[in-house]
Amino acid sequence: MLQPAFAKRQPSETAARYAVYFAPPPGSPLERFGAVWLGRDCESGAALDQPRLSGIAPERLAAVTEAPRHYGFHATLKAPFALSPQHGAADLLSAVAAFANRQAPVAAPPLRLGRLDGFLALLLAAPSDSVGGLAAACVAAFEGFRASATADDAARRESAGLSPRQRALLQRWGYPYVMEEFRFHMTLTARLDDAESDAIEAALAPLVAPLCRDPLIIDAVSVFVQDDRATPFRLAARYALAG
């Protein structure tokens, strides 16, 4: 289903980037937590008051959540990409709708608060072939819509200390953390040193505990759009998995 924000505000297809994410259902406890934690509603774009954490200055919390706030609260299925010249936004949205209509919802393990490469994130409590399979299917299904990476993007990725396999995935799919390298995560902070990570994790733990009790149900995929590199990603459309 298209969201009103997209219908009213068409991006320039030459500057825009798109991504296919798992985003929590609107109004759900997980969605509201993510929006408040990051300080932005990714559908309306409204700024939200972030939680007050003992021992963490508000301006510091705003700083360490700046990068994930830019992307919106999500787990990546198909990483951000510019559209190839042969396709428009309507083509992509139609393809995602058709994909969702073929896919069944996925029951995943519960979430857990953890660290991934120095970032705090919500991770899965156990590996899930079903979630990995859904992500791999998204990567492959929408590859034909992706424009080739720019030289700057390729150089930035290549300089990130990738393994040989990750470099091969980057060349094939435009992103190194796909297929067997995929790790489901919903990023909560920038990379932190150990001391600050300990402090923020301790403050976060009681906030996320109620969200980590039950299995995670992935029952929709969402298209996010960024008008240009300087503007935040916003929710453009959400399609229920109906297969």
C-alpha atoms as a PDB file:
ATOM      1  CA  MET A   1       0.000   0.000   0.000  1.00  0.00           C
ATOM      2  CA  LEU A   2       1.423   3.402  -0.945  1.00  0.00           C
ATOM      3  CA  GLN A   3       1.804   5.875   1.867  1.00  0.00           C
ATOM      4  CA  PRO A   4       0.487   9.454   1.462  1.00  0.00           C
ATOM      5  CA  ALA A   5       3.958  10.924   1.999  1.00  0.00           C
ATOM      6  CA  PHE A   6       5.193   9.311  -1.206  1.00  0.00           C
ATOM      7  CA  ALA A   7       2.178  10.263  -3.267  1.00  0.00           C
ATOM      8  CA  LYS A   8       2.553  13.921  -2.282  1.00  0.00           C
ATOM      9  CA  ARG A   9       6.308  14.179  -2.629  1.00  0.00           C
ATOM     10  CA  GLN A  10       7.841  12.510  -5.649  1.00  0.00           C
ATOM     11  CA  PRO A  11      11.648  12.412  -5.485  1.00  0.00           C
ATOM     12  CA  SER A  12      13.927  13.108  -8.408  1.00  0.00           C
ATOM     13  CA  GLU A  13      14.703   9.675  -9.753  1.00  0.00           C
ATOM     14  CA  THR A  14      18.192  10.707 -10.820  1.00  0.00           C
ATOM     15  CA  ALA A  15      19.196  11.796  -7.301  1.00  0.00           C
ATOM     16  CA  ALA A  16      17.057   9.485  -5.191  1.00  0.00           C
ATOM     17  CA  ARG A  17      18.037   6.229  -3.560  1.00  0.00           C
ATOM     18  CA  TYR A  18      15.670   3.450  -2.578  1.00  0.00           C
ATOM     19  CA  ALA A  19      15.941   0.585  -0.105  1.00  0.00           C
ATOM     20  CA  VAL A  20      13.827  -2.412   0.855  1.00  0.00           C
ATOM     21  CA  TYR A  21      13.627  -2.798   4.607  1.00  0.00           C
ATOM     22  CA  PHE A  22      11.855  -4.632   7.327  1.00  0.00           C
ATOM     23  CA  ALA A  23      10.162  -1.871   9.311  1.00  0.00           C
ATOM     24  CA  PRO A  24       7.880  -2.648  12.274  1.00  0.00           C
ATOM     25  CA  PRO A  25       4.121  -2.281  11.825  1.00  0.00           C
ATOM     26  CA  PRO A  26       2.953   1.317  12.262  1.00  0.00           C
ATOM     27  CA  GLY A  27       1.828   1.971  15.819  1.00  0.00           C
ATOM     28  CA  SER A  28       3.381  -1.235  17.177  1.00  0.00           C
ATOM     29  CA  PRO A  29       5.488  -1.084  20.363  1.00  0.00           C
ATOM     30  CA  LEU A  30       8.622  -1.847  18.336  1.00  0.00           C
ATOM     31  CA  GLU A  31       7.868   0.909  15.827  1.00  0.00           C
ATOM     32  CA  ARG A  32       7.174   3.482  18.529  1.00  0.00           C
ATOM     33  CA  PHE A  33      10.317   2.530  20.437  1.00  0.00           C
ATOM     34  CA  GLY A  34      12.467   2.911  17.329  1.00  0.00           C
ATOM     35  CA  ALA A  35      10.960   6.261  16.382  1.00  0.00           C
ATOM     36  CA  VAL A  36      11.378   7.728  19.868  1.00  0.00           C
ATOM     37  CA  TRP A  37      14.834   6.236  20.391  1.00  0.00           C
ATOM     38  CA  LEU A  38      16.117   7.715  17.132  1.00  0.00           C
ATOM     39  CA  GLY A  39      14.097  10.916  17.523  1.00  0.00           C
ATOM     40  CA  ARG A  40      12.330  10.821  14.151  1.00  0.00           C
ATOM     41  CA  ASP A  41       9.134   9.398  12.715  1.00  0.00           C
ATOM     42  CA  CYS A  42      10.300   7.895   9.416  1.00  0.00           C
ATOM     43  CA  GLU A  43       6.891   8.232   7.761  1.00  0.00           C
ATOM     44  CA  SER A  44       5.959  11.819   8.638  1.00  0.00           C
ATOM     45  CA  GLY A  45       9.532  13.038   9.148  1.00  0.00           C
ATOM     46  CA  ALA A  46       8.507  14.662  12.440  1.00  0.00           C
ATOM     47  CA  ALA A  47      11.205  15.141  15.067  1.00  0.00           C
ATOM     48  CA  LEU A  48      10.442  13.368  18.337  1.00  0.00           C
ATOM     49  CA  ASP A  49      11.760  13.835  21.865  1.00  0.00           C
ATOM     50  CA  GLN A  50      14.300  11.154  22.653  1.00  0.00           C
ATOM     51  CA  PRO A  51      14.248   9.343  26.001  1.00  0.00           C
ATOM     52  CA  ARG A  52      16.175  10.797  28.914  1.00  0.00           C
ATOM     53  CA  LEU A  53      18.853   8.356  30.034  1.00  0.00           C
ATOM     54  CA  SER A  54      20.628   8.494  33.348  1.00  0.00           C
ATOM     55  CA  GLY A  55      24.255   9.471  32.836  1.00  0.00           C
ATOM     56  CA  ILE A  56      23.842  10.198  29.097  1.00  0.00           C
ATOM     57  CA  ALA A  57      23.586  13.855  28.077  1.00  0.00           C
ATOM     58  CA  PRO A  58      20.704  14.517  25.647  1.00  0.00           C
ATOM     59  CA  GLU A  59      23.047  16.108  23.126  1.00  0.00           C
ATOM     60  CA  ARG A  60      25.294  13.046  23.248  1.00  0.00           C
ATOM     61  CA  LEU A  61      22.364  10.704  22.669  1.00  0.00           C
ATOM     62  CA  ALA A  62      21.347  12.837  19.691  1.00  0.00           C
ATOM     63  CA  ALA A  63      24.895  12.594  18.322  1.00  0.00           C
ATOM     64  CA  VAL A  64      25.305   8.827  18.676  1.00  0.00           C
ATOM     65  CA  THR A  65      21.917   8.207  17.025  1.00  0.00           C
ATOM     66  CA  GLU A  66      22.454  10.659  14.160  1.00  0.00           C
ATOM     67  CA  ALA A  67      23.485   8.062  11.563  1.00  0.00           C
ATOM     68  CA  PRO A  68      20.709   5.517  12.253  1.00  0.00           C
ATOM     69  CA  ARG A  69      18.202   8.384  12.479  1.00  0.00           C
ATOM     70  CA  HIS A  70      19.168   9.348   8.914  1.00  0.00           C
ATOM     71  CA  TYR A  71      18.286   5.870   7.617  1.00  0.00           C
ATOM     72  CA  GLY A  72      15.180   5.307   9.747  1.00  0.00           C
ATOM     73  CA  PHE A  73      14.485   2.452  12.161  1.00  0.00           C
ATOM     74  CA  HIS A  74      14.754  -0.739  10.118  1.00  0.00           C
ATOM     75  CA  ALA A  75      16.530  -3.944   9.253  1.00  0.00           C
ATOM     76  CA  THR A  76      18.043  -3.937   5.765  1.00  0.00           C
ATOM     77  CA  LEU A  77      16.805  -6.467   3.220  1.00  0.00           C
ATOM     78  CA  LYS A  78      18.007  -4.710   0.035  1.00  0.00           C
ATOM     79  CA  ALA A  79      20.556  -1.994   0.788  1.00  0.00           C
ATOM     80  CA  PRO A  80      20.096   1.540  -0.585  1.00  0.00           C
ATOM     81  CA  PHE A  81      20.571   1.899  -4.325  1.00  0.00           C
ATOM     82  CA  ALA A  82      19.955   4.379  -7.111  1.00  0.00           C
ATOM     83  CA  LEU A  83      17.577   3.275  -9.851  1.00  0.00           C
ATOM     84  CA  SER A  84      18.963   2.084 -13.161  1.00  0.00           C
ATOM     85  CA  PRO A  85      18.095   4.329 -16.127  1.00  0.00           C
ATOM     86  CA  GLN A  86      15.696   1.709 -17.465  1.00  0.00           C
ATOM     87  CA  HIS A  87      13.380   1.878 -14.459  1.00  0.00           C
ATOM     88  CA  GLY A  88      11.314   4.436 -12.589  1.00  0.00           C
ATOM     89  CA  ALA A  89      10.029   4.485  -9.042  1.00  0.00           C
ATOM     90  CA  ALA A  90       6.635   3.155 -10.105  1.00  0.00           C
ATOM     91  CA  ASP A  91       8.329   0.109 -11.662  1.00  0.00           C
ATOM     92  CA  LEU A  92      10.144  -0.638  -8.425  1.00  0.00           C
ATOM     93  CA  LEU A  93       7.027  -0.237  -6.288  1.00  0.00           C
ATOM     94  CA  SER A  94       5.079  -2.527  -8.598  1.00  0.00           C
ATOM     95  CA  ALA A  95       7.807  -5.158  -8.369  1.00  0.00           C
ATOM     96  CA  VAL A  96       7.951  -4.979  -4.571  1.00  0.00           C
ATOM     97  CA  ALA A  97       4.161  -5.315  -4.383  1.00  0.00           C
ATOM     98  CA  ALA A  98       4.261  -8.399  -6.595  1.00  0.00           C
ATOM     99  CA  PHE A  99       7.151  -9.861  -4.580  1.00  0.00           C
ATOM    100  CA  ALA A 100       5.274  -9.353  -1.303  1.00  0.00           C
ATOM    101  CA  ASN A 101       2.190 -11.003  -2.741  1.00  0.00           C
ATOM    102  CA  ARG A 102       4.247 -14.162  -3.376  1.00  0.00           C
ATOM    103  CA  GLN A 103       6.030 -14.298  -0.008  1.00  0.00           C
ATOM    104  CA  ALA A 104       4.660 -15.764   3.196  1.00  0.00           C
ATOM    105  CA  PRO A 105       5.224 -14.027   6.543  1.00  0.00           C
ATOM    106  CA  VAL A 106       8.309 -15.185   8.426  1.00  0.00           C
ATOM    107  CA  ALA A 107       8.399 -16.106  12.107  1.00  0.00           C
ATOM    108  CA  ALA A 108      11.825 -15.187  13.463  1.00  0.00           C
ATOM    109  CA  PRO A 109      13.403 -15.730  16.877  1.00  0.00           C
ATOM    110  CA  PRO A 110      12.914 -12.981  19.467  1.00  0.00           C
ATOM    111  CA  LEU A 111      15.071  -9.886  19.348  1.00  0.00           C
ATOM    112  CA  ARG A 112      17.969  -9.246  21.689  1.00  0.00           C
ATOM    113  CA  LEU A 113      20.069  -6.199  22.443  1.00  0.00           C
ATOM    114  CA  GLY A 114      23.652  -6.692  21.339  1.00  0.00           C
ATOM    115  CA  ARG A 115      26.695  -5.295  19.576  1.00  0.00           C
ATOM    116  CA  LEU A 116      27.662  -5.643  15.939  1.00  0.00           C
ATOM    117  CA  ASP A 117      30.997  -4.217  14.821  1.00  0.00           C
ATOM    118  CA  GLY A 118      30.908  -1.681  17.660  1.00  0.00           C
ATOM    119  CA  PHE A 119      27.296  -0.596  17.079  1.00  0.00           C
ATOM    120  CA  LEU A 120      24.459  -1.273  19.479  1.00  0.00           C
ATOM    121  CA  ALA A 121      21.604  -2.964  17.660  1.00  0.00           C
ATOM    122  CA  LEU A 122      18.608  -5.200  18.039  1.00  0.00           C
ATOM    123  CA  LEU A 123      19.701  -8.602  16.752  1.00  0.00           C
ATOM    124  CA  LEU A 124      17.986 -11.977  16.531  1.00  0.00           C
ATOM    125  CA  ALA A 125      18.391 -14.199  19.573  1.00  0.00           C
ATOM    126  CA  ALA A 126      19.275 -17.135  17.300  1.00  0.00           C
ATOM    127  CA  PRO A 127      20.176 -17.622  13.633  1.00  0.00           C
ATOM    128  CA  SER A 128      17.233 -17.913  11.260  1.00  0.00           C
ATOM    129  CA  ASP A 129      17.429 -19.513   7.826  1.00  0.00           C
ATOM    130  CA  SER A 130      13.948 -18.170   7.068  1.00  0.00           C
ATOM    131  CA  VAL A 131      14.978 -14.557   7.654  1.00  0.00           C
ATOM    132  CA  GLY A 132      18.195 -15.069   5.709  1.00  0.00           C
ATOM    133  CA  GLY A 133      16.203 -16.592   2.879  1.00  0.00           C
ATOM    134  CA  LEU A 134      13.826 -13.630   2.766  1.00  0.00           C
ATOM    135  CA  ALA A 135      16.747 -11.197   2.666  1.00  0.00           C
ATOM    136  CA  ALA A 136      18.485 -13.170  -0.093  1.00  0.00           C
ATOM    137  CA  ALA A 137      15.271 -13.249  -2.107  1.00  0.00           C
ATOM    138  CA  CYS A 138      14.946  -9.457  -1.807  1.00  0.00           C
ATOM    139  CA  VAL A 139      18.547  -8.921  -2.889  1.00  0.00           C
ATOM    140  CA  ALA A 140      18.069 -11.028  -6.011  1.00  0.00           C
ATOM    141  CA  ALA A 141      14.532  -9.936  -6.888  1.00  0.00           C
ATOM    142  CA  PHE A 142      15.332  -6.222  -7.097  1.00  0.00           C
ATOM    143  CA  GLU A 143      18.873  -6.388  -8.455  1.00  0.00           C
ATOM    144  CA  GLY A 144      17.703  -5.464 -11.930  1.00  0.00           C
ATOM    145  CA  PHE A 145      16.521  -2.093 -10.610  1.00  0.00           C
ATOM    146  CA  ARG A 146      19.901  -1.124  -9.166  1.00  0.00           C
ATOM    147  CA  ALA A 147      22.157   1.286 -11.002  1.00  0.00           C
ATOM    148  CA  SER A 148      25.845   0.461 -10.997  1.00  0.00           C
ATOM    149  CA  ALA A 149      27.701   1.838  -7.995  1.00  0.00           C
ATOM    150  CA  THR A 150      29.555   5.093  -8.469  1.00  0.00           C
ATOM    151  CA  ALA A 151      33.338   5.056  -8.285  1.00  0.00           C
ATOM    152  CA  ASP A 152      33.190   6.881  -4.947  1.00  0.00           C
ATOM    153  CA  ASP A 153      30.762   4.362  -3.472  1.00  0.00           C
ATOM    154  CA  ALA A 154      32.822   1.428  -4.669  1.00  0.00           C
ATOM    155  CA  ALA A 155      36.035   2.912  -3.285  1.00  0.00           C
ATOM    156  CA  ARG A 156      34.413   3.638   0.065  1.00  0.00           C
ATOM    157  CA  ARG A 157      33.169   0.064   0.372  1.00  0.00           C
ATOM    158  CA  GLU A 158      36.446  -1.433  -0.802  1.00  0.00           C
ATOM    159  CA  SER A 159      38.333   0.520   1.886  1.00  0.00           C
ATOM    160  CA  ALA A 160      36.175  -0.890   4.695  1.00  0.00           C
ATOM    161  CA  GLY A 161      38.363  -3.906   5.454  1.00  0.00           C
ATOM    162  CA  LEU A 162      36.259  -6.448   3.579  1.00  0.00           C
ATOM    163  CA  SER A 163      37.091 -10.118   3.303  1.00  0.00           C
ATOM    164  CA  PRO A 164      37.657 -11.594  -0.175  1.00  0.00           C
ATOM    165  CA  ARG A 165      34.152 -13.080  -0.104  1.00  0.00           C
ATOM    166  CA  GLN A 166      32.632  -9.766   0.925  1.00  0.00           C
ATOM    167  CA  ARG A 167      34.456  -8.020  -1.907  1.00  0.00           C
ATOM    168  CA  ALA A 168      33.039 -10.594  -4.325  1.00  0.00           C
ATOM    169  CA  LEU A 169      29.528  -9.993  -2.981  1.00  0.00           C
ATOM    170  CA  LEU A 170      30.052  -6.257  -3.306  1.00  0.00           C
ATOM    171  CA  GLN A 171      30.991  -6.675  -6.948  1.00  0.00           C
ATOM    172  CA  ARG A 172      28.018  -8.941  -7.677  1.00  0.00           C
ATOM    173  CA  TRP A 173      25.257  -7.330  -5.619  1.00  0.00           C
ATOM    174  CA  GLY A 174      26.478  -3.824  -4.802  1.00  0.00           C
ATOM    175  CA  TYR A 175      26.664  -4.545  -1.067  1.00  0.00           C
ATOM    176  CA  PRO A 176      29.024  -6.852   0.843  1.00  0.00           C
ATOM    177  CA  TYR A 177      26.743  -8.026   3.663  1.00  0.00           C
ATOM    178  CA  VAL A 178      24.330 -10.186   1.720  1.00  0.00           C
ATOM    179  CA  MET A 179      23.638 -13.901   1.242  1.00  0.00           C
ATOM    180  CA  GLU A 180      25.736 -15.880   3.770  1.00  0.00           C
ATOM    181  CA  GLU A 181      27.233 -12.596   5.088  1.00  0.00           C
ATOM    182  CA  PHE A 182      23.777 -11.209   5.982  1.00  0.00           C
ATOM    183  CA  ARG A 183      23.156 -10.454   9.658  1.00  0.00           C
ATOM    184  CA  PHE A 184      19.716  -9.212  10.667  1.00  0.00           C
ATOM    185  CA  HIS A 185      20.103  -6.063  12.742  1.00  0.00           C
ATOM    186  CA  MET A 186      18.199  -2.901  13.612  1.00  0.00           C
ATOM    187  CA  THR A 187      20.883  -0.310  14.282  1.00  0.00           C
ATOM    188  CA  LEU A 188      20.490   1.871  17.379  1.00  0.00           C
ATOM    189  CA  THR A 189      23.763   3.810  17.625  1.00  0.00           C
ATOM    190  CA  ALA A 190      26.913   4.804  15.832  1.00  0.00           C
ATOM    191  CA  ARG A 191      30.090   2.867  16.578  1.00  0.00           C
ATOM    192  CA  LEU A 192      31.030   3.418  20.241  1.00  0.00           C
ATOM    193  CA  ASP A 193      34.018   2.708  22.409  1.00  0.00           C
ATOM    194  CA  ASP A 194      33.586   0.027  25.041  1.00  0.00           C
ATOM    195  CA  ALA A 195      32.961   2.349  27.985  1.00  0.00           C
ATOM    196  CA  GLU A 196      30.261   4.378  26.272  1.00  0.00           C
ATOM    197  CA  SER A 197      28.726   1.257  24.775  1.00  0.00           C
ATOM    198  CA  ASP A 198      28.500  -0.267  28.248  1.00  0.00           C
ATOM    199  CA  ALA A 199      26.775   2.820  29.624  1.00  0.00           C
ATOM    200  CA  ILE A 200      24.239   3.159  26.821  1.00  0.00           C
ATOM    201  CA  GLU A 201      23.562  -0.566  26.711  1.00  0.00           C
ATOM    202  CA  ALA A 202      22.795  -0.560  30.437  1.00  0.00           C
ATOM    203  CA  ALA A 203      20.358   2.321  29.983  1.00  0.00           C
ATOM    204  CA  LEU A 204      18.787   0.730  26.909  1.00  0.00           C
ATOM    205  CA  ALA A 205      18.297  -2.741  28.338  1.00  0.00           C
ATOM    206  CA  PRO A 206      15.114  -2.044  30.350  1.00  0.00           C
ATOM    207  CA  LEU A 207      13.607  -0.101  27.432  1.00  0.00           C
ATOM    208  CA  VAL A 208      13.969  -2.974  24.986  1.00  0.00           C
ATOM    209  CA  ALA A 209      13.287  -5.870  27.368  1.00  0.00           C
ATOM    210  CA  PRO A 210       9.513  -5.901  26.641  1.00  0.00           C
ATOM    211  CA  LEU A 211      10.281  -6.002  22.906  1.00  0.00           C
ATOM    212  CA  CYS A 212      12.505  -9.073  23.213  1.00  0.00           C
ATOM    213  CA  ARG A 213      10.092 -11.564  24.764  1.00  0.00           C
ATOM    214  CA  ASP A 214       8.152 -12.899  21.798  1.00  0.00           C
ATOM    215  CA  PRO A 215       9.099 -14.183  18.347  1.00  0.00           C
ATOM    216  CA  LEU A 216       9.504 -11.465  15.747  1.00  0.00           C
ATOM    217  CA  ILE A 217       6.956 -11.712  12.956  1.00  0.00           C
ATOM    218  CA  ILE A 218       8.081 -10.250   9.636  1.00  0.00           C
ATOM    219  CA  ASP A 219       4.777  -9.772   7.847  1.00  0.00           C
ATOM    220  CA  ALA A 220       5.591  -6.930   5.439  1.00  0.00           C
ATOM    221  CA  VAL A 221       8.395  -5.352   3.462  1.00  0.00           C
ATOM    222  CA  SER A 222       8.784  -1.595   3.150  1.00  0.00           C
ATOM    223  CA  VAL A 223      10.276   0.669   0.521  1.00  0.00           C
ATOM    224  CA  PHE A 224      12.173   3.658   1.886  1.00  0.00           C
ATOM    225  CA  VAL A 225      13.307   6.549  -0.288  1.00  0.00           C
ATOM    226  CA  GLN A 226      15.929   9.253   0.055  1.00  0.00           C
ATOM    227  CA  ASP A 227      15.482  12.294  -2.202  1.00  0.00           C
ATOM    228  CA  ASP A 228      19.246  12.892  -2.263  1.00  0.00           C
ATOM    229  CA  ARG A 229      22.250  11.991  -0.130  1.00  0.00           C
ATOM    230  CA  ALA A 230      21.692  14.899   2.256  1.00  0.00           C
ATOM    231  CA  THR A 231      18.078  14.111   3.155  1.00  0.00           C
ATOM    232  CA  PRO A 232      16.902  11.352   5.502  1.00  0.00           C
ATOM    233  CA  PHE A 233      15.250   8.181   4.247  1.00  0.00           C
ATOM    234  CA  ARG A 234      11.503   8.086   4.673  1.00  0.00           C
ATOM    235  CA  LEU A 235       8.910   5.358   4.449  1.00  0.00           C
ATOM    236  CA  ALA A 236       7.370   5.374   0.961  1.00  0.00           C
ATOM    237  CA  ALA A 237       5.289   2.183   0.888  1.00  0.00           C
ATOM    238  CA  ARG A 238       4.600  -0.911   2.947  1.00  0.00           C
ATOM    239  CA  TYR A 239       3.430  -4.204   1.447  1.00  0.00           C
ATOM    240  CA  ALA A 240       2.036  -7.113   3.445  1.00  0.00           C
ATOM    241  CA  LEU A 241       3.569 -10.527   2.812  1.00  0.00           C
ATOM    242  CA  ALA A 242       0.550 -12.398   1.496  1.00  0.00           C
ATOM    243  CA  GLY A 243       1.926 -15.564  -0.118  1.00  0.00           C
END
